[in-house]
Amino acid sequence: MKKFICGSAVVLSLCSTMAHAQSSVTLYGIIDAGLTYFSNLNGHGTIVAQDGSVQANRWGVRGTEDLGDGRSVVFVLENGFNLYSGSMVQSGVIFSRQAFLGLSDRQLGTITLGKQYDFFWDDLTQFSMGQKAGQYSWHPGDFDHLAGTLHINNAIKYATPTYAGFSAGGLYATPSQSVSAGTGRVFSVGARYSNGPVNLGTAYTNTHDLGLNAPSQAGTTLFVDLPAGPVMANTVSSFGIGGSYLLGSALTRVLLTDTHFVVGNNSGSMPTIEANEVVTLSPATSIMAGYWFSKLGAQHWQNATLMLDYALSKRTDVYTTASYLWTSGGAAPVFLGGGSSPVFENGMYSGTGSSACAVRVGLRTYF
């Protein structure tokens, strides 16, 4: 009888271990808090308590279920939140960042359905200085989606397995019921290659019926005959290519994106070129410096950013960033998420000063 009980206990223990190995659900998140000094926030120097500036605050759950023969079910549910107020980033939307379910096959790839990112986020963000320094170093308005502000509803996404360092994928999304809920039809493709110290990526995204608030996003009305407020873009299409090379403790990254806007009878392109360097000074300390230049017609933006990061542990770090933004040709010096409300006359910036600086000190932890 004792042998039977012991044997049963061993079998149950093995079954429990196998079930645990085959399926998993993980809670994860990022919390980022700090203070930012803006030298020119609507014409005034201001210190602001801001959270999620280097990385947006989020919590989520991801899970897998092993179906055998190299196949599995995968899902991600992820929400953004405001630390200082405790509120959700998007009121009434519990999973504002990602919400998808799919099937993965080791040989055939992965297909997912739900709210997802495009391939700029997947294949090009890794080359931008915003990936390291965050909000104040992204390209104007994040119109090229590197910061992940484009959350695509109703998306079907496919990604290949990685073959000899190469992978690719495509996404298609049907229109959302309203602009506030997402976008119109979206098409996106991307590819990347990784081989030792070399990483390369490229992506293209075409979005129809996309709501933009260009004055507060990027300090521009886009075109002189557009209002200084929200507009509906017929299409916003972006192409990008980037790469990085790791030599010892220094990571060199370059990136080129070009975004084309069609708003009513207006059309134009915003090319941006960027270069940045990340140097690991010690296991706990890294420094990054970078620069980008962007233009739309006569409007020009330039951004130089410096970041120093120190790890207190494997999950927590303290950092400081400084970003300097120059504008000309009628554009206002507006940082993404900086809270500016610039004044325009006939599509030209009529506020105070053509430059601004954002200096931040913050604390970040992962869980």
Foldseek 3Di string as FASTA:
>chain_A
DVVVVVVVVVVVVVVVVVQPVQKDKDKKWKWKWWKKWKPQFLHHTDIDTAICFLHFTKIKMKMWGHPDPQKIKIWIAMFTAGPVVRGGPQPPDRRPQWTWIWMAGQQFFIKIWFWHFFCCCVFPLVQFCSNGRGFQRADFLCLVCSNRPATAGGKIKTKGHADQQKIKIKMWHDQDPDLSSHFHIKIKIKMWGDDVQKIKIKMKMKTAFHKDQRCQRGQFLLALPHDNGIATWRMKMKIKIKMWGDDPQKIKIWMKMKIWTHGPPDIWIKIKIKIKMKGDPDPFKIKMWMKMWIDTVQKIKIKIKIKIWGAPDPFKIKMKMKMKMFMDDQGAAHTGVPPHRFDHDSGGTDTDDRMMMMIIIMMMGMD
